[in-house]
Protein backbone atom coordinates (compact mmCIF):
# COMPACT_ATOMS: atom_id res chain seq x y z
CA UNK A 1 0.00 0.00 0.00
CA UNK A 2 2.95 2.31 0.40
CA UNK A 3 3.49 2.28 -3.37
CA UNK A 4 -0.07 3.51 -3.90
CA UNK A 5 0.45 6.25 -1.32
CA UNK A 6 3.72 7.29 -2.97
CA UNK A 7 2.08 7.45 -6.39
CA UNK A 8 -0.85 9.43 -5.00
CA UNK A 9 1.38 11.91 -3.19
CA UNK A 10 3.55 12.37 -6.28
CA UNK A 11 0.54 12.97 -8.52
CA UNK A 12 -0.75 15.60 -6.08
CA UNK A 13 2.51 17.52 -6.01
CA UNK A 14 2.74 20.74 -8.00
CA UNK A 15 5.93 19.88 -9.87
CA UNK A 16 5.00 16.33 -10.97
CA UNK A 17 6.72 14.95 -14.07
CA UNK A 18 4.61 12.68 -16.27
CA UNK A 19 7.42 10.20 -16.83
CA UNK A 20 8.04 9.81 -13.11
CA UNK A 21 4.30 9.67 -12.43
CA UNK A 22 3.99 6.84 -14.95
CA UNK A 23 6.84 5.03 -13.21
CA UNK A 24 5.15 5.40 -9.80
CA UNK A 25 1.85 4.13 -11.21
CA UNK A 26 3.53 1.12 -12.82
CA UNK A 27 5.15 0.20 -9.51
CA UNK A 28 1.79 0.53 -7.72
CA UNK A 29 0.09 -1.60 -10.39
CA UNK A 30 2.77 -4.29 -10.14
CA UNK A 31 2.47 -4.39 -6.34
CA UNK A 32 -1.32 -4.73 -6.51
CA UNK A 33 -1.05 -7.43 -9.15
CA UNK A 34 1.40 -9.38 -6.99
CA UNK A 35 -0.90 -9.02 -3.98
CA UNK A 36 -3.88 -10.24 -6.03
CA UNK A 37 -1.94 -13.26 -7.27
CA UNK A 38 -0.76 -14.13 -3.75
CA UNK A 39 -4.04 -13.37 -1.97
CA UNK A 40 -4.48 -16.92 -0.69
CA UNK A 41 -1.06 -16.67 0.98
CA UNK A 42 -2.17 -13.46 2.71
CA UNK A 43 -5.39 -15.11 3.91
CA UNK A 44 -3.43 -18.11 5.22
CA UNK A 45 -1.05 -15.79 7.07
CA UNK A 46 -3.96 -13.85 8.58
CA UNK A 47 -5.61 -17.10 9.64
CA UNK A 48 -2.39 -18.18 11.32
CA UNK A 49 -2.18 -14.88 13.20
CA UNK A 50 -5.80 -15.28 14.30
CA UNK A 51 -5.07 -18.76 15.64
CA UNK A 52 -1.98 -17.49 17.42
CA UNK A 53 -3.96 -14.73 19.14
CA UNK A 54 -6.99 -16.92 19.81
CA UNK A 55 -9.37 -14.88 17.67
CA UNK A 56 -12.03 -16.30 15.35
CA UNK A 57 -10.98 -16.02 11.70
CA UNK A 58 -14.12 -14.71 10.02
CA UNK A 59 -13.42 -13.14 6.64
CA UNK A 60 -16.54 -13.41 4.51
CA UNK A 61 -19.57 -11.34 5.42
CA UNK A 62 -22.21 -11.18 2.75
CA UNK A 63 -24.40 -8.16 2.33
CA UNK A 64 -28.12 -8.30 2.91
CA UNK A 65 -29.86 -8.13 -0.45
CA UNK A 66 -32.43 -5.38 -0.59
CA UNK A 67 -34.89 -4.52 -3.30
CA UNK A 68 -34.64 -1.07 -4.80
CA UNK A 69 -37.67 0.98 -3.78
CA UNK A 70 -39.29 3.89 -5.49
CA UNK A 71 -41.09 6.77 -3.86
CA UNK A 72 -44.66 5.43 -4.00
CA UNK A 73 -43.96 1.71 -3.41
CA UNK A 74 -44.70 -0.12 -0.19
CA UNK A 75 -41.85 -1.78 1.62
CA UNK A 76 -42.54 -5.52 1.25
CA UNK A 77 -39.20 -6.91 2.41
CA UNK A 78 -39.17 -5.08 5.77
CA UNK A 79 -41.68 -4.65 8.52
PDB file of N, CA and C in Angstrom:
ATOM      1  N   UNK A   1       0.812  -1.195   0.000  1.00  0.00           N
ATOM      2  CA  UNK A   1       0.000   0.000   0.000  1.00  0.00           C
ATOM      3  C   UNK A   1       0.860   1.265   0.000  1.00  0.00           C
ATOM      4  N   UNK A   2       2.097   1.130   0.385  1.00  0.00           N
ATOM      5  CA  UNK A   2       2.951   2.310   0.405  1.00  0.00           C
ATOM      6  C   UNK A   2       3.251   2.790  -1.017  1.00  0.00           C
ATOM      7  N   UNK A   3       3.257   1.875  -1.983  1.00  0.00           N
ATOM      8  CA  UNK A   3       3.489   2.278  -3.369  1.00  0.00           C
ATOM      9  C   UNK A   3       2.320   3.096  -3.899  1.00  0.00           C
ATOM     10  N   UNK A   4       1.108   2.742  -3.489  1.00  0.00           N
ATOM     11  CA  UNK A   4      -0.072   3.511  -3.898  1.00  0.00           C
ATOM     12  C   UNK A   4      -0.030   4.893  -3.278  1.00  0.00           C
ATOM     13  N   UNK A   5       0.342   4.956  -1.999  1.00  0.00           N
ATOM     14  CA  UNK A   5       0.445   6.245  -1.320  1.00  0.00           C
ATOM     15  C   UNK A   5       1.517   7.111  -1.965  1.00  0.00           C
ATOM     16  N   UNK A   6       2.650   6.524  -2.324  1.00  0.00           N
ATOM     17  CA  UNK A   6       3.716   7.291  -2.968  1.00  0.00           C
ATOM     18  C   UNK A   6       3.266   7.829  -4.319  1.00  0.00           C
ATOM     19  N   UNK A   7       2.565   7.000  -5.087  1.00  0.00           N
ATOM     20  CA  UNK A   7       2.076   7.449  -6.392  1.00  0.00           C
ATOM     21  C   UNK A   7       1.041   8.561  -6.223  1.00  0.00           C
ATOM     22  N   UNK A   8       0.173   8.418  -5.249  1.00  0.00           N
ATOM     23  CA  UNK A   8      -0.851   9.431  -5.003  1.00  0.00           C
ATOM     24  C   UNK A   8      -0.230  10.748  -4.565  1.00  0.00           C
ATOM     25  N   UNK A   9       0.735  10.687  -3.663  1.00  0.00           N
ATOM     26  CA  UNK A   9       1.382  11.909  -3.189  1.00  0.00           C
ATOM     27  C   UNK A   9       2.162  12.585  -4.315  1.00  0.00           C
ATOM     28  N   UNK A  10       2.797  11.781  -5.176  1.00  0.00           N
ATOM     29  CA  UNK A  10       3.552  12.366  -6.277  1.00  0.00           C
ATOM     30  C   UNK A  10       2.619  13.029  -7.284  1.00  0.00           C
ATOM     31  N   UNK A  11       1.481  12.388  -7.565  1.00  0.00           N
ATOM     32  CA  UNK A  11       0.538  12.969  -8.520  1.00  0.00           C
ATOM     33  C   UNK A  11      -0.106  14.252  -7.984  1.00  0.00           C
ATOM     34  N   UNK A  12      -0.169  14.408  -6.671  1.00  0.00           N
ATOM     35  CA  UNK A  12      -0.752  15.602  -6.077  1.00  0.00           C
ATOM     36  C   UNK A  12       0.247  16.746  -5.956  1.00  0.00           C
ATOM     37  N   UNK A  13       1.519  16.459  -6.139  1.00  0.00           N
ATOM     38  CA  UNK A  13       2.513  17.518  -6.015  1.00  0.00           C
ATOM     39  C   UNK A  13       2.427  18.479  -7.200  1.00  0.00           C
ATOM     40  N   UNK A  14       2.851  19.712  -6.966  1.00  0.00           N
ATOM     41  CA  UNK A  14       2.738  20.743  -8.001  1.00  0.00           C
ATOM     42  C   UNK A  14       3.732  20.554  -9.134  1.00  0.00           C
ATOM     43  N   UNK A  15       4.902  20.037  -8.841  1.00  0.00           N
ATOM     44  CA  UNK A  15       5.929  19.877  -9.874  1.00  0.00           C
ATOM     45  C   UNK A  15       6.102  18.405 -10.266  1.00  0.00           C
ATOM     46  N   UNK A  16       4.978  17.750 -10.584  1.00  0.00           N
ATOM     47  CA  UNK A  16       5.005  16.333 -10.967  1.00  0.00           C
ATOM     48  C   UNK A  16       5.402  16.195 -12.438  1.00  0.00           C
ATOM     49  N   UNK A  17       6.284  15.260 -12.711  1.00  0.00           N
ATOM     50  CA  UNK A  17       6.721  14.947 -14.066  1.00  0.00           C
ATOM     51  C   UNK A  17       5.931  13.734 -14.545  1.00  0.00           C
ATOM     52  N   UNK A  18       5.443  13.765 -15.774  1.00  0.00           N
ATOM     53  CA  UNK A  18       4.610  12.680 -16.274  1.00  0.00           C
ATOM     54  C   UNK A  18       5.376  11.367 -16.384  1.00  0.00           C
ATOM     55  N   UNK A  19       6.629  11.427 -16.719  1.00  0.00           N
ATOM     56  CA  UNK A  19       7.419  10.203 -16.831  1.00  0.00           C
ATOM     57  C   UNK A  19       7.592   9.544 -15.464  1.00  0.00           C
ATOM     58  N   UNK A  20       7.899  10.364 -14.456  1.00  0.00           N
ATOM     59  CA  UNK A  20       8.039   9.813 -13.106  1.00  0.00           C
ATOM     60  C   UNK A  20       6.694   9.355 -12.549  1.00  0.00           C
ATOM     61  N   UNK A  21       5.633  10.075 -12.887  1.00  0.00           N
ATOM     62  CA  UNK A  21       4.300   9.673 -12.432  1.00  0.00           C
ATOM     63  C   UNK A  21       3.924   8.321 -13.032  1.00  0.00           C
ATOM     64  N   UNK A  22       4.252   8.119 -14.301  1.00  0.00           N
ATOM     65  CA  UNK A  22       3.993   6.840 -14.951  1.00  0.00           C
ATOM     66  C   UNK A  22       4.769   5.731 -14.273  1.00  0.00           C
ATOM     67  N   UNK A  23       6.003   6.017 -13.897  1.00  0.00           N
ATOM     68  CA  UNK A  23       6.840   5.033 -13.205  1.00  0.00           C
ATOM     69  C   UNK A  23       6.224   4.667 -11.853  1.00  0.00           C
ATOM     70  N   UNK A  24       5.779   5.669 -11.092  1.00  0.00           N
ATOM     71  CA  UNK A  24       5.146   5.404  -9.797  1.00  0.00           C
ATOM     72  C   UNK A  24       3.876   4.580  -9.969  1.00  0.00           C
ATOM     73  N   UNK A  25       3.082   4.879 -10.984  1.00  0.00           N
ATOM     74  CA  UNK A  25       1.849   4.133 -11.210  1.00  0.00           C
ATOM     75  C   UNK A  25       2.124   2.700 -11.650  1.00  0.00           C
ATOM     76  N   UNK A  26       3.168   2.485 -12.424  1.00  0.00           N
ATOM     77  CA  UNK A  26       3.533   1.125 -12.824  1.00  0.00           C
ATOM     78  C   UNK A  26       3.960   0.292 -11.623  1.00  0.00           C
ATOM     79  N   UNK A  27       4.720   0.907 -10.722  1.00  0.00           N
ATOM     80  CA  UNK A  27       5.145   0.202  -9.509  1.00  0.00           C
ATOM     81  C   UNK A  27       3.932  -0.157  -8.656  1.00  0.00           C
ATOM     82  N   UNK A  28       3.002   0.793  -8.503  1.00  0.00           N
ATOM     83  CA  UNK A  28       1.791   0.532  -7.719  1.00  0.00           C
ATOM     84  C   UNK A  28       0.961  -0.579  -8.364  1.00  0.00           C
ATOM     85  N   UNK A  29       0.845  -0.557  -9.678  1.00  0.00           N
ATOM     86  CA  UNK A  29       0.092  -1.596 -10.388  1.00  0.00           C
ATOM     87  C   UNK A  29       0.745  -2.963 -10.215  1.00  0.00           C
ATOM     88  N   UNK A  30       2.063  -3.020 -10.307  1.00  0.00           N
ATOM     89  CA  UNK A  30       2.766  -4.288 -10.136  1.00  0.00           C
ATOM     90  C   UNK A  30       2.586  -4.831  -8.721  1.00  0.00           C
ATOM     91  N   UNK A  31       2.652  -3.947  -7.725  1.00  0.00           N
ATOM     92  CA  UNK A  31       2.468  -4.388  -6.342  1.00  0.00           C
ATOM     93  C   UNK A  31       1.059  -4.926  -6.113  1.00  0.00           C
ATOM     94  N   UNK A  32       0.055  -4.248  -6.660  1.00  0.00           N
ATOM     95  CA  UNK A  32      -1.316  -4.729  -6.507  1.00  0.00           C
ATOM     96  C   UNK A  32      -1.538  -6.043  -7.251  1.00  0.00           C
ATOM     97  N   UNK A  33      -0.926  -6.183  -8.403  1.00  0.00           N
ATOM     98  CA  UNK A  33      -1.054  -7.434  -9.150  1.00  0.00           C
ATOM     99  C   UNK A  33      -0.414  -8.593  -8.385  1.00  0.00           C
ATOM    100  N   UNK A  34       0.749  -8.349  -7.794  1.00  0.00           N
ATOM    101  CA  UNK A  34       1.402  -9.385  -6.991  1.00  0.00           C
ATOM    102  C   UNK A  34       0.548  -9.751  -5.785  1.00  0.00           C
ATOM    103  N   UNK A  35      -0.053  -8.745  -5.145  1.00  0.00           N
ATOM    104  CA  UNK A  35      -0.904  -9.017  -3.984  1.00  0.00           C
ATOM    105  C   UNK A  35      -2.130  -9.817  -4.396  1.00  0.00           C
ATOM    106  N   UNK A  36      -2.709  -9.499  -5.551  1.00  0.00           N
ATOM    107  CA  UNK A  36      -3.882 -10.236  -6.030  1.00  0.00           C
ATOM    108  C   UNK A  36      -3.521 -11.685  -6.332  1.00  0.00           C
ATOM    109  N   UNK A  37      -2.354 -11.905  -6.932  1.00  0.00           N
ATOM    110  CA  UNK A  37      -1.939 -13.263  -7.274  1.00  0.00           C
ATOM    111  C   UNK A  37      -1.594 -14.087  -6.038  1.00  0.00           C
ATOM    112  N   UNK A  38      -1.156 -13.440  -4.971  1.00  0.00           N
ATOM    113  CA  UNK A  38      -0.763 -14.135  -3.751  1.00  0.00           C
ATOM    114  C   UNK A  38      -1.767 -13.896  -2.621  1.00  0.00           C
ATOM    115  N   UNK A  39      -3.035 -13.684  -2.970  1.00  0.00           N
ATOM    116  CA  UNK A  39      -4.042 -13.372  -1.965  1.00  0.00           C
ATOM    117  C   UNK A  39      -4.289 -14.543  -1.028  1.00  0.00           C
ATOM    118  N   UNK A  40      -4.248 -15.770  -1.549  1.00  0.00           N
ATOM    119  CA  UNK A  40      -4.478 -16.925  -0.686  1.00  0.00           C
ATOM    120  C   UNK A  40      -3.371 -17.046   0.365  1.00  0.00           C
ATOM    121  N   UNK A  41      -2.150 -16.661   0.005  1.00  0.00           N
ATOM    122  CA  UNK A  41      -1.064 -16.668   0.985  1.00  0.00           C
ATOM    123  C   UNK A  41      -1.329 -15.649   2.095  1.00  0.00           C
ATOM    124  N   UNK A  42      -1.861 -14.489   1.718  1.00  0.00           N
ATOM    125  CA  UNK A  42      -2.165 -13.461   2.709  1.00  0.00           C
ATOM    126  C   UNK A  42      -3.293 -13.912   3.641  1.00  0.00           C
ATOM    127  N   UNK A  43      -4.293 -14.603   3.084  1.00  0.00           N
ATOM    128  CA  UNK A  43      -5.389 -15.110   3.911  1.00  0.00           C
ATOM    129  C   UNK A  43      -4.874 -16.196   4.855  1.00  0.00           C
ATOM    130  N   UNK A  44      -4.010 -17.064   4.368  1.00  0.00           N
ATOM    131  CA  UNK A  44      -3.431 -18.105   5.219  1.00  0.00           C
ATOM    132  C   UNK A  44      -2.610 -17.496   6.348  1.00  0.00           C
ATOM    133  N   UNK A  45      -1.846 -16.460   6.040  1.00  0.00           N
ATOM    134  CA  UNK A  45      -1.047 -15.787   7.071  1.00  0.00           C
ATOM    135  C   UNK A  45      -1.952 -15.122   8.106  1.00  0.00           C
ATOM    136  N   UNK A  46      -3.028 -14.488   7.653  1.00  0.00           N
ATOM    137  CA  UNK A  46      -3.964 -13.850   8.575  1.00  0.00           C
ATOM    138  C   UNK A  46      -4.663 -14.883   9.448  1.00  0.00           C
ATOM    139  N   UNK A  47      -4.993 -16.033   8.871  1.00  0.00           N
ATOM    140  CA  UNK A  47      -5.613 -17.104   9.642  1.00  0.00           C
ATOM    141  C   UNK A  47      -4.653 -17.623  10.705  1.00  0.00           C
ATOM    142  N   UNK A  48      -3.389 -17.753  10.345  1.00  0.00           N
ATOM    143  CA  UNK A  48      -2.388 -18.178  11.323  1.00  0.00           C
ATOM    144  C   UNK A  48      -2.236 -17.191  12.457  1.00  0.00           C
ATOM    145  N   UNK A  49      -2.271 -15.911  12.155  1.00  0.00           N
ATOM    146  CA  UNK A  49      -2.175 -14.883  13.202  1.00  0.00           C
ATOM    147  C   UNK A  49      -3.405 -14.936  14.100  1.00  0.00           C
ATOM    148  N   UNK A  50      -4.571 -15.172  13.505  1.00  0.00           N
ATOM    149  CA  UNK A  50      -5.801 -15.281  14.297  1.00  0.00           C
ATOM    150  C   UNK A  50      -5.729 -16.472  15.249  1.00  0.00           C
ATOM    151  N   UNK A  51      -5.215 -17.592  14.775  1.00  0.00           N
ATOM    152  CA  UNK A  51      -5.071 -18.762  15.638  1.00  0.00           C
ATOM    153  C   UNK A  51      -4.064 -18.508  16.744  1.00  0.00           C
ATOM    154  N   UNK A  52      -3.003 -17.796  16.431  1.00  0.00           N
ATOM    155  CA  UNK A  52      -1.982 -17.488  17.425  1.00  0.00           C
ATOM    156  C   UNK A  52      -2.544 -16.598  18.532  1.00  0.00           C
ATOM    157  N   UNK A  53      -3.380 -15.657  18.167  1.00  0.00           N
ATOM    158  CA  UNK A  53      -3.960 -14.730  19.138  1.00  0.00           C
ATOM    159  C   UNK A  53      -5.231 -15.268  19.781  1.00  0.00           C
ATOM    160  N   UNK A  54      -5.775 -16.356  19.258  1.00  0.00           N
ATOM    161  CA  UNK A  54      -6.990 -16.925  19.812  1.00  0.00           C
ATOM    162  C   UNK A  54      -8.252 -16.179  19.401  1.00  0.00           C
ATOM    163  N   UNK A  55      -8.243 -15.630  18.187  1.00  0.00           N
ATOM    164  CA  UNK A  55      -9.373 -14.878  17.671  1.00  0.00           C
ATOM    165  C   UNK A  55     -10.006 -15.679  16.545  1.00  0.00           C
ATOM    166  N   UNK A  56     -11.343 -15.599  16.428  1.00  0.00           N
ATOM    167  CA  UNK A  56     -12.028 -16.302  15.353  1.00  0.00           C
ATOM    168  C   UNK A  56     -11.680 -15.671  14.007  1.00  0.00           C
ATOM    169  N   UNK A  57     -11.319 -16.497  13.042  1.00  0.00           N
ATOM    170  CA  UNK A  57     -10.976 -16.019  11.703  1.00  0.00           C
ATOM    171  C   UNK A  57     -12.238 -16.006  10.854  1.00  0.00           C
ATOM    172  N   UNK A  58     -12.894 -14.856  10.795  1.00  0.00           N
ATOM    173  CA  UNK A  58     -14.118 -14.713  10.017  1.00  0.00           C
ATOM    174  C   UNK A  58     -13.855 -13.648   8.962  1.00  0.00           C
ATOM    175  N   UNK A  59     -13.808 -14.055   7.695  1.00  0.00           N
ATOM    176  CA  UNK A  59     -13.422 -13.136   6.637  1.00  0.00           C
ATOM    177  C   UNK A  59     -14.562 -12.767   5.705  1.00  0.00           C
ATOM    178  N   UNK A  60     -15.522 -13.645   5.521  1.00  0.00           N
ATOM    179  CA  UNK A  60     -16.542 -13.405   4.505  1.00  0.00           C
ATOM    180  C   UNK A  60     -17.874 -13.039   5.148  1.00  0.00           C
ATOM    181  N   UNK A  61     -18.248 -11.800   5.037  1.00  0.00           N
ATOM    182  CA  UNK A  61     -19.567 -11.339   5.425  1.00  0.00           C
ATOM    183  C   UNK A  61     -20.293 -10.935   4.156  1.00  0.00           C
ATOM    184  N   UNK A  62     -21.449 -11.525   3.943  1.00  0.00           N
ATOM    185  CA  UNK A  62     -22.209 -11.180   2.755  1.00  0.00           C
ATOM    186  C   UNK A  62     -23.200 -10.077   3.092  1.00  0.00           C
ATOM    187  N   UNK A  63     -23.452  -9.249   2.141  1.00  0.00           N
ATOM    188  CA  UNK A  63     -24.404  -8.160   2.326  1.00  0.00           C
ATOM    189  C   UNK A  63     -25.822  -8.692   2.303  1.00  0.00           C
ATOM    190  N   UNK A  64     -26.701  -7.964   2.962  1.00  0.00           N
ATOM    191  CA  UNK A  64     -28.116  -8.302   2.912  1.00  0.00           C
ATOM    192  C   UNK A  64     -28.679  -7.723   1.621  1.00  0.00           C
ATOM    193  N   UNK A  65     -29.290  -8.588   0.815  1.00  0.00           N
ATOM    194  CA  UNK A  65     -29.857  -8.135  -0.452  1.00  0.00           C
ATOM    195  C   UNK A  65     -31.143  -7.366  -0.178  1.00  0.00           C
ATOM    196  N   UNK A  66     -31.239  -6.198  -0.735  1.00  0.00           N
ATOM    197  CA  UNK A  66     -32.434  -5.383  -0.585  1.00  0.00           C
ATOM    198  C   UNK A  66     -32.942  -4.982  -1.958  1.00  0.00           C
ATOM    199  N   UNK A  67     -34.255  -4.911  -2.055  1.00  0.00           N
ATOM    200  CA  UNK A  67     -34.889  -4.521  -3.296  1.00  0.00           C
ATOM    201  C   UNK A  67     -34.896  -3.004  -3.400  1.00  0.00           C
ATOM    202  N   UNK A  68     -34.620  -2.505  -4.578  1.00  0.00           N
ATOM    203  CA  UNK A  68     -34.641  -1.068  -4.796  1.00  0.00           C
ATOM    204  C   UNK A  68     -36.087  -0.581  -4.746  1.00  0.00           C
ATOM    205  N   UNK A  69     -36.319   0.456  -3.947  1.00  0.00           N
ATOM    206  CA  UNK A  69     -37.667   0.977  -3.781  1.00  0.00           C
ATOM    207  C   UNK A  69     -37.800   2.335  -4.441  1.00  0.00           C
ATOM    208  N   UNK A  70     -38.979   2.585  -4.941  1.00  0.00           N
ATOM    209  CA  UNK A  70     -39.294   3.895  -5.490  1.00  0.00           C
ATOM    210  C   UNK A  70     -40.153   4.659  -4.496  1.00  0.00           C
ATOM    211  N   UNK A  71     -40.427   5.877  -4.790  1.00  0.00           N
ATOM    212  CA  UNK A  71     -41.094   6.771  -3.857  1.00  0.00           C
ATOM    213  C   UNK A  71     -42.467   6.258  -3.420  1.00  0.00           C
ATOM    214  N   UNK A  72     -43.283   5.774  -4.337  1.00  0.00           N
ATOM    215  CA  UNK A  72     -44.658   5.433  -4.003  1.00  0.00           C
ATOM    216  C   UNK A  72     -44.877   3.940  -3.755  1.00  0.00           C
ATOM    217  N   UNK A  73     -43.815   3.134  -3.664  1.00  0.00           N
ATOM    218  CA  UNK A  73     -43.958   1.709  -3.408  1.00  0.00           C
ATOM    219  C   UNK A  73     -44.018   1.432  -1.927  1.00  0.00           C
ATOM    220  N   UNK A  74     -44.674   0.342  -1.567  1.00  0.00           N
ATOM    221  CA  UNK A  74     -44.701  -0.120  -0.191  1.00  0.00           C
ATOM    222  C   UNK A  74     -43.476  -1.000   0.061  1.00  0.00           C
ATOM    223  N   UNK A  75     -42.990  -0.964   1.264  1.00  0.00           N
ATOM    224  CA  UNK A  75     -41.845  -1.780   1.625  1.00  0.00           C
ATOM    225  C   UNK A  75     -42.320  -3.185   1.939  1.00  0.00           C
ATOM    226  N   UNK A  76     -42.070  -4.145   1.050  1.00  0.00           N
ATOM    227  CA  UNK A  76     -42.544  -5.520   1.251  1.00  0.00           C
ATOM    228  C   UNK A  76     -41.501  -6.406   1.913  1.00  0.00           C
ATOM    229  N   UNK A  77     -40.230  -6.045   1.831  1.00  0.00           N
ATOM    230  CA  UNK A  77     -39.202  -6.914   2.406  1.00  0.00           C
ATOM    231  C   UNK A  77     -38.835  -6.524   3.831  1.00  0.00           C
ATOM    232  N   UNK A  78     -39.407  -5.461   4.374  1.00  0.00           N
ATOM    233  CA  UNK A  78     -39.167  -5.082   5.770  1.00  0.00           C
ATOM    234  C   UNK A  78     -40.493  -4.853   6.453  1.00  0.00           C
ATOM    235  N   UNK A  79     -40.455  -4.885   7.762  1.00  0.00           N
ATOM    236  CA  UNK A  79     -41.684  -4.655   8.521  1.00  0.00           C
ATOM    237  C   UNK A  79     -41.898  -3.184   8.750  1.00  0.00           C
TER     238      UNK A  79
END
